[in-house]
PDB file of N, CA and C in Angstrom:
ATOM      1  N   MET A   1     -21.607 157.696 -50.848  1.00  0.00           N
ATOM      2  CA  MET A   1     -22.521 157.966 -49.620  1.00  0.00           C
ATOM      3  C   MET A   1     -23.837 158.214 -50.101  1.00  0.00           C
ATOM      4  N   CYS A   2     -24.795 157.752 -49.579  1.00  0.00           N
ATOM      5  CA  CYS A   2     -26.190 157.778 -49.964  1.00  0.00           C
ATOM      6  C   CYS A   2     -26.745 159.033 -49.202  1.00  0.00           C
ATOM      7  N   GLY A   3     -27.713 159.619 -49.785  1.00  0.00           N
ATOM      8  CA  GLY A   3     -28.560 160.879 -49.346  1.00  0.00           C
ATOM      9  C   GLY A   3     -28.891 160.788 -47.908  1.00  0.00           C
ATOM     10  N   LYS A   4     -29.153 159.676 -47.389  1.00  0.00           N
ATOM     11  CA  LYS A   4     -29.686 159.598 -45.862  1.00  0.00           C
ATOM     12  C   LYS A   4     -28.384 159.573 -45.036  1.00  0.00           C
ATOM     13  N   THR A   5     -27.398 159.044 -45.520  1.00  0.00           N
ATOM     14  CA  THR A   5     -26.236 159.189 -44.627  1.00  0.00           C
ATOM     15  C   THR A   5     -25.723 160.404 -44.663  1.00  0.00           C
ATOM     16  N   PHE A   6     -25.765 161.218 -45.876  1.00  0.00           N
ATOM     17  CA  PHE A   6     -25.252 162.493 -45.834  1.00  0.00           C
ATOM     18  C   PHE A   6     -26.097 163.241 -44.980  1.00  0.00           C
ATOM     19  N   LEU A   7     -27.373 163.223 -45.011  1.00  0.00           N
ATOM     20  CA  LEU A   7     -28.143 164.036 -43.928  1.00  0.00           C
ATOM     21  C   LEU A   7     -27.947 163.959 -42.651  1.00  0.00           C
ATOM     22  N   LYS A   8     -27.619 162.501 -42.307  1.00  0.00           N
ATOM     23  CA  LYS A   8     -27.307 162.136 -40.743  1.00  0.00           C
ATOM     24  C   LYS A   8     -25.876 162.827 -40.424  1.00  0.00           C
ATOM     25  N   GLU A   9     -24.917 162.738 -41.209  1.00  0.00           N
ATOM     26  CA  GLU A   9     -23.764 163.350 -41.059  1.00  0.00           C
ATOM     27  C   GLU A   9     -23.635 164.865 -41.043  1.00  0.00           C
ATOM     28  N   VAL A  10     -24.311 165.475 -41.851  1.00  0.00           N
ATOM     29  CA  VAL A  10     -24.316 166.922 -41.795  1.00  0.00           C
ATOM     30  C   VAL A  10     -25.167 167.418 -40.493  1.00  0.00           C
ATOM     31  N   LYS A  11     -26.080 166.745 -40.019  1.00  0.00           N
ATOM     32  CA  LYS A  11     -27.108 167.214 -38.969  1.00  0.00           C
ATOM     33  C   LYS A  11     -26.390 166.884 -37.695  1.00  0.00           C
ATOM     34  N   LYS A  12     -25.465 165.980 -37.612  1.00  0.00           N
ATOM     35  CA  LYS A  12     -24.735 165.715 -36.369  1.00  0.00           C
ATOM     36  C   LYS A  12     -23.474 166.610 -36.225  1.00  0.00           C
ATOM     37  N   ASP A  13     -22.969 167.310 -37.343  1.00  0.00           N
ATOM     38  CA  ASP A  13     -21.903 168.276 -37.258  1.00  0.00           C
ATOM     39  C   ASP A  13     -22.323 169.668 -36.843  1.00  0.00           C
ATOM     40  N   PHE A  14     -21.937 170.095 -35.629  1.00  0.00           N
ATOM     41  CA  PHE A  14     -22.256 171.375 -35.082  1.00  0.00           C
ATOM     42  C   PHE A  14     -22.184 172.506 -36.155  1.00  0.00           C
ATOM     43  N   SER A  15     -21.052 172.462 -36.952  1.00  0.00           N
ATOM     44  CA  SER A  15     -20.577 173.623 -37.812  1.00  0.00           C
ATOM     45  C   SER A  15     -21.508 173.560 -39.167  1.00  0.00           C
ATOM     46  N   LEU A  16     -22.249 172.441 -39.366  1.00  0.00           N
ATOM     47  CA  LEU A  16     -23.080 172.358 -40.649  1.00  0.00           C
ATOM     48  C   LEU A  16     -24.633 172.150 -40.339  1.00  0.00           C
ATOM     49  N   LYS A  17     -24.958 171.766 -38.996  1.00  0.00           N
ATOM     50  CA  LYS A  17     -26.227 171.421 -38.867  1.00  0.00           C
ATOM     51  C   LYS A  17     -27.452 172.317 -39.085  1.00  0.00           C
ATOM     52  N   ASP A  18     -26.977 173.709 -39.252  1.00  0.00           N
ATOM     53  CA  ASP A  18     -28.150 174.493 -39.539  1.00  0.00           C
ATOM     54  C   ASP A  18     -28.261 175.070 -40.914  1.00  0.00           C
ATOM     55  N   ILE A  19     -27.464 174.376 -41.794  1.00  0.00           N
ATOM     56  CA  ILE A  19     -27.536 174.661 -43.354  1.00  0.00           C
ATOM     57  C   ILE A  19     -28.713 174.038 -43.859  1.00  0.00           C
ATOM     58  N   PRO A  20     -29.666 174.800 -44.391  1.00  0.00           N
ATOM     59  CA  PRO A  20     -30.870 173.954 -45.024  1.00  0.00           C
ATOM     60  C   PRO A  20     -30.369 173.128 -46.041  1.00  0.00           C
ATOM     61  N   ILE A  21     -31.138 171.826 -46.103  1.00  0.00           N
ATOM     62  CA  ILE A  21     -30.888 170.891 -46.997  1.00  0.00           C
ATOM     63  C   ILE A  21     -32.109 170.437 -48.012  1.00  0.00           C
ATOM     64  N   PHE A  22     -31.956 170.617 -49.185  1.00  0.00           N
ATOM     65  CA  PHE A  22     -33.204 170.266 -50.177  1.00  0.00           C
ATOM     66  C   PHE A  22     -32.774 168.933 -50.782  1.00  0.00           C
ATOM     67  N   VAL A  23     -33.712 168.133 -50.687  1.00  0.00           N
ATOM     68  CA  VAL A  23     -33.386 166.805 -51.232  1.00  0.00           C
ATOM     69  C   VAL A  23     -34.053 166.510 -52.602  1.00  0.00           C
ATOM     70  N   PHE A  24     -33.490 166.307 -53.597  1.00  0.00           N
ATOM     71  CA  PHE A  24     -33.840 166.077 -55.146  1.00  0.00           C
ATOM     72  C   PHE A  24     -33.576 164.491 -55.260  1.00  0.00           C
ATOM     73  N   SER A  25     -34.699 163.882 -55.609  1.00  0.00           N
ATOM     74  CA  SER A  25     -34.643 162.564 -55.759  1.00  0.00           C
ATOM     75  C   SER A  25     -35.605 162.030 -56.754  1.00  0.00           C
ATOM     76  N   THR A  26     -35.440 160.785 -57.495  1.00  0.00           N
ATOM     77  CA  THR A  26     -36.206 160.278 -58.595  1.00  0.00           C
ATOM     78  C   THR A  26     -37.250 159.298 -57.740  1.00  0.00           C
ATOM     79  N   SER A  27     -36.991 159.088 -56.548  1.00  0.00           N
ATOM     80  CA  SER A  27     -37.954 158.227 -55.668  1.00  0.00           C
ATOM     81  C   SER A  27     -39.293 158.927 -55.420  1.00  0.00           C
ATOM     82  N   SER A  28     -40.349 158.333 -55.764  1.00  0.00           N
ATOM     83  CA  SER A  28     -41.710 158.735 -55.338  1.00  0.00           C
ATOM     84  C   SER A  28     -42.118 158.074 -54.159  1.00  0.00           C
ATOM     85  N   ASP A  29     -41.383 157.136 -53.564  1.00  0.00           N
ATOM     86  CA  ASP A  29     -41.759 156.427 -52.339  1.00  0.00           C
ATOM     87  C   ASP A  29     -41.874 157.212 -51.270  1.00  0.00           C
ATOM     88  N   PRO A  30     -43.153 157.278 -50.725  1.00  0.00           N
ATOM     89  CA  PRO A  30     -43.433 158.302 -49.412  1.00  0.00           C
ATOM     90  C   PRO A  30     -42.517 158.017 -48.099  1.00  0.00           C
ATOM     91  N   GLN A  31     -42.074 156.952 -48.168  1.00  0.00           N
ATOM     92  CA  GLN A  31     -41.125 156.579 -46.943  1.00  0.00           C
ATOM     93  C   GLN A  31     -39.807 157.281 -47.292  1.00  0.00           C
ATOM     94  N   ASP A  32     -39.340 157.471 -48.362  1.00  0.00           N
ATOM     95  CA  ASP A  32     -38.070 158.103 -48.805  1.00  0.00           C
ATOM     96  C   ASP A  32     -38.277 159.625 -48.294  1.00  0.00           C
ATOM     97  N   LYS A  33     -39.248 160.248 -48.598  1.00  0.00           N
ATOM     98  CA  LYS A  33     -39.549 161.534 -48.266  1.00  0.00           C
ATOM     99  C   LYS A  33     -39.840 161.678 -46.809  1.00  0.00           C
ATOM    100  N   ASP A  34     -40.663 160.831 -46.170  1.00  0.00           N
ATOM    101  CA  ASP A  34     -40.634 160.904 -44.583  1.00  0.00           C
ATOM    102  C   ASP A  34     -39.288 160.803 -43.914  1.00  0.00           C
ATOM    103  N   ASP A  35     -38.482 159.773 -44.488  1.00  0.00           N
ATOM    104  CA  ASP A  35     -37.210 159.662 -43.782  1.00  0.00           C
ATOM    105  C   ASP A  35     -36.414 160.842 -43.989  1.00  0.00           C
ATOM    106  N   SER A  36     -36.090 161.416 -44.997  1.00  0.00           N
ATOM    107  CA  SER A  36     -35.407 162.702 -45.429  1.00  0.00           C
ATOM    108  C   SER A  36     -35.738 163.892 -44.549  1.00  0.00           C
ATOM    109  N   LEU A  37     -37.214 163.964 -44.538  1.00  0.00           N
ATOM    110  CA  LEU A  37     -37.703 165.157 -43.414  1.00  0.00           C
ATOM    111  C   LEU A  37     -37.317 164.802 -42.125  1.00  0.00           C
ATOM    112  N   ARG A  38     -37.402 163.594 -41.737  1.00  0.00           N
ATOM    113  CA  ARG A  38     -37.128 163.269 -40.309  1.00  0.00           C
ATOM    114  C   ARG A  38     -35.815 163.485 -40.027  1.00  0.00           C
ATOM    115  N   LEU A  39     -34.946 163.267 -40.912  1.00  0.00           N
ATOM    116  CA  LEU A  39     -33.559 163.422 -40.820  1.00  0.00           C
ATOM    117  C   LEU A  39     -32.960 164.901 -40.861  1.00  0.00           C
ATOM    118  N   GLY A  40     -33.802 165.753 -41.156  1.00  0.00           N
ATOM    119  CA  GLY A  40     -33.615 167.217 -41.081  1.00  0.00           C
ATOM    120  C   GLY A  40     -33.612 167.958 -42.481  1.00  0.00           C
ATOM    121  N   ALA A  41     -33.889 167.237 -43.574  1.00  0.00           N
ATOM    122  CA  ALA A  41     -34.076 168.056 -44.838  1.00  0.00           C
ATOM    123  C   ALA A  41     -35.196 168.987 -44.740  1.00  0.00           C
ATOM    124  N   VAL A  42     -35.179 170.067 -45.277  1.00  0.00           N
ATOM    125  CA  VAL A  42     -36.002 171.182 -45.388  1.00  0.00           C
ATOM    126  C   VAL A  42     -37.263 170.936 -46.212  1.00  0.00           C
ATOM    127  N   SER A  43     -36.853 170.198 -47.406  1.00  0.00           N
ATOM    128  CA  SER A  43     -37.975 170.047 -48.336  1.00  0.00           C
ATOM    129  C   SER A  43     -37.491 168.739 -49.161  1.00  0.00           C
ATOM    130  N   PHE A  44     -38.482 167.924 -49.863  1.00  0.00           N
ATOM    131  CA  PHE A  44     -38.129 166.691 -50.786  1.00  0.00           C
ATOM    132  C   PHE A  44     -38.766 167.025 -51.955  1.00  0.00           C
ATOM    133  N   PHE A  45     -37.942 167.027 -53.081  1.00  0.00           N
ATOM    134  CA  PHE A  45     -38.473 167.206 -54.503  1.00  0.00           C
ATOM    135  C   PHE A  45     -38.483 165.814 -55.080  1.00  0.00           C
ATOM    136  N   ILE A  46     -39.399 165.609 -55.925  1.00  0.00           N
ATOM    137  CA  ILE A  46     -39.373 164.458 -56.887  1.00  0.00           C
ATOM    138  C   ILE A  46     -38.976 165.005 -58.148  1.00  0.00           C
ATOM    139  N   LYS A  47     -37.722 164.633 -58.866  1.00  0.00           N
ATOM    140  CA  LYS A  47     -37.279 165.189 -60.149  1.00  0.00           C
ATOM    141  C   LYS A  47     -38.123 164.485 -61.177  1.00  0.00           C
ATOM    142  N   PRO A  48     -38.474 165.304 -62.246  1.00  0.00           N
ATOM    143  CA  PRO A  48     -38.039 166.744 -62.384  1.00  0.00           C
ATOM    144  C   PRO A  48     -39.151 167.372 -61.601  1.00  0.00           C
ATOM    145  N   CYS A  49     -39.003 168.643 -60.902  1.00  0.00           N
ATOM    146  CA  CYS A  49     -40.010 169.474 -60.212  1.00  0.00           C
ATOM    147  C   CYS A  49     -40.194 170.562 -61.113  1.00  0.00           C
ATOM    148  N   CYS A  50     -41.255 171.373 -60.414  1.00  0.00           N
ATOM    149  CA  CYS A  50     -41.640 172.597 -61.006  1.00  0.00           C
ATOM    150  C   CYS A  50     -40.833 173.836 -60.477  1.00  0.00           C
ATOM    151  N   PHE A  51     -40.157 174.388 -61.296  1.00  0.00           N
ATOM    152  CA  PHE A  51     -39.322 175.653 -60.933  1.00  0.00           C
ATOM    153  C   PHE A  51     -40.116 176.533 -59.762  1.00  0.00           C
ATOM    154  N   GLU A  52     -41.386 176.959 -59.995  1.00  0.00           N
ATOM    155  CA  GLU A  52     -41.912 177.915 -59.093  1.00  0.00           C
ATOM    156  C   GLU A  52     -42.256 177.188 -57.814  1.00  0.00           C
ATOM    157  N   GLU A  53     -42.323 175.834 -57.661  1.00  0.00           N
ATOM    158  CA  GLU A  53     -42.478 175.376 -56.413  1.00  0.00           C
ATOM    159  C   GLU A  53     -41.185 175.286 -55.607  1.00  0.00           C
ATOM    160  N   LEU A  54     -40.075 174.953 -56.438  1.00  0.00           N
ATOM    161  CA  LEU A  54     -38.759 175.107 -55.711  1.00  0.00           C
ATOM    162  C   LEU A  54     -38.329 176.429 -55.300  1.00  0.00           C
ATOM    163  N   ARG A  55     -38.544 177.476 -56.101  1.00  0.00           N
ATOM    164  CA  ARG A  55     -38.509 178.829 -55.708  1.00  0.00           C
ATOM    165  C   ARG A  55     -39.270 179.228 -54.352  1.00  0.00           C
ATOM    166  N   GLN A  56     -40.442 178.802 -54.383  1.00  0.00           N
ATOM    167  CA  GLN A  56     -41.180 179.181 -53.098  1.00  0.00           C
ATOM    168  C   GLN A  56     -40.813 178.423 -51.964  1.00  0.00           C
ATOM    169  N   LYS A  57     -40.370 177.242 -52.087  1.00  0.00           N
ATOM    170  CA  LYS A  57     -39.788 176.415 -50.985  1.00  0.00           C
ATOM    171  C   LYS A  57     -38.302 176.877 -50.471  1.00  0.00           C
ATOM    172  N   ILE A  58     -37.563 177.458 -51.265  1.00  0.00           N
ATOM    173  CA  ILE A  58     -36.351 177.754 -50.983  1.00  0.00           C
ATOM    174  C   ILE A  58     -36.587 179.223 -50.347  1.00  0.00           C
ATOM    175  N   THR A  59     -37.299 180.156 -50.771  1.00  0.00           N
ATOM    176  CA  THR A  59     -37.716 181.314 -50.224  1.00  0.00           C
ATOM    177  C   THR A  59     -38.035 181.256 -48.912  1.00  0.00           C
ATOM    178  N   SER A  60     -39.189 180.322 -48.685  1.00  0.00           N
ATOM    179  CA  SER A  60     -39.662 180.063 -47.519  1.00  0.00           C
ATOM    180  C   SER A  60     -38.729 179.616 -46.386  1.00  0.00           C
ATOM    181  N   ALA A  61     -37.756 178.737 -46.703  1.00  0.00           N
ATOM    182  CA  ALA A  61     -36.769 178.131 -45.928  1.00  0.00           C
ATOM    183  C   ALA A  61     -35.721 179.105 -45.379  1.00  0.00           C
ATOM    184  N   PHE A  62     -35.410 179.927 -46.321  1.00  0.00           N
ATOM    185  CA  PHE A  62     -34.367 180.970 -45.886  1.00  0.00           C
ATOM    186  C   PHE A  62     -34.935 182.102 -44.896  1.00  0.00           C
ATOM    187  N   SER A  63     -36.494 182.239 -44.995  1.00  0.00           N
ATOM    188  CA  SER A  63     -37.126 183.331 -44.313  1.00  0.00           C
ATOM    189  C   SER A  63     -37.064 182.849 -42.769  1.00  0.00           C
ATOM    190  N   LEU A  64     -36.835 181.418 -42.633  1.00  0.00           N
ATOM    191  CA  LEU A  64     -36.947 181.133 -41.316  1.00  0.00           C
ATOM    192  C   LEU A  64     -35.491 181.012 -40.493  1.00  0.00           C
ATOM    193  N   ILE A  65     -34.694 181.389 -41.116  1.00  0.00           N
ATOM    194  CA  ILE A  65     -33.127 181.567 -40.728  1.00  0.00           C
ATOM    195  C   ILE A  65     -33.066 182.983 -39.963  1.00  0.00           C
ATOM    196  N   PRO A  66     -32.637 182.762 -38.723  1.00  0.00           N
ATOM    197  CA  PRO A  66     -32.585 184.145 -37.863  1.00  0.00           C
ATOM    198  C   PRO A  66     -31.302 185.116 -38.461  1.00  0.00           C
ATOM    199  N   SER A  67     -31.589 186.419 -38.442  1.00  0.00           N
ATOM    200  CA  SER A  67     -30.477 187.207 -39.134  1.00  0.00           C
ATOM    201  C   SER A  67     -29.447 187.597 -38.159  1.00  0.00           C
TER     202      SER A  67
END
């Protein structure tokens, strides 16, 4: 299953749809990033990515989740 199909399936499943999904890809195509974010990804990283950027985006994403 490709990543875009995975995102579609997770986001249409009521029990999974609120799980934040971070996409890690070797693709630098802006369309892949746009598609992933449109389909519900929280963030899109081009591998290899900077650890500090990853930490900041994960922290930010989890701060948006209601307690």
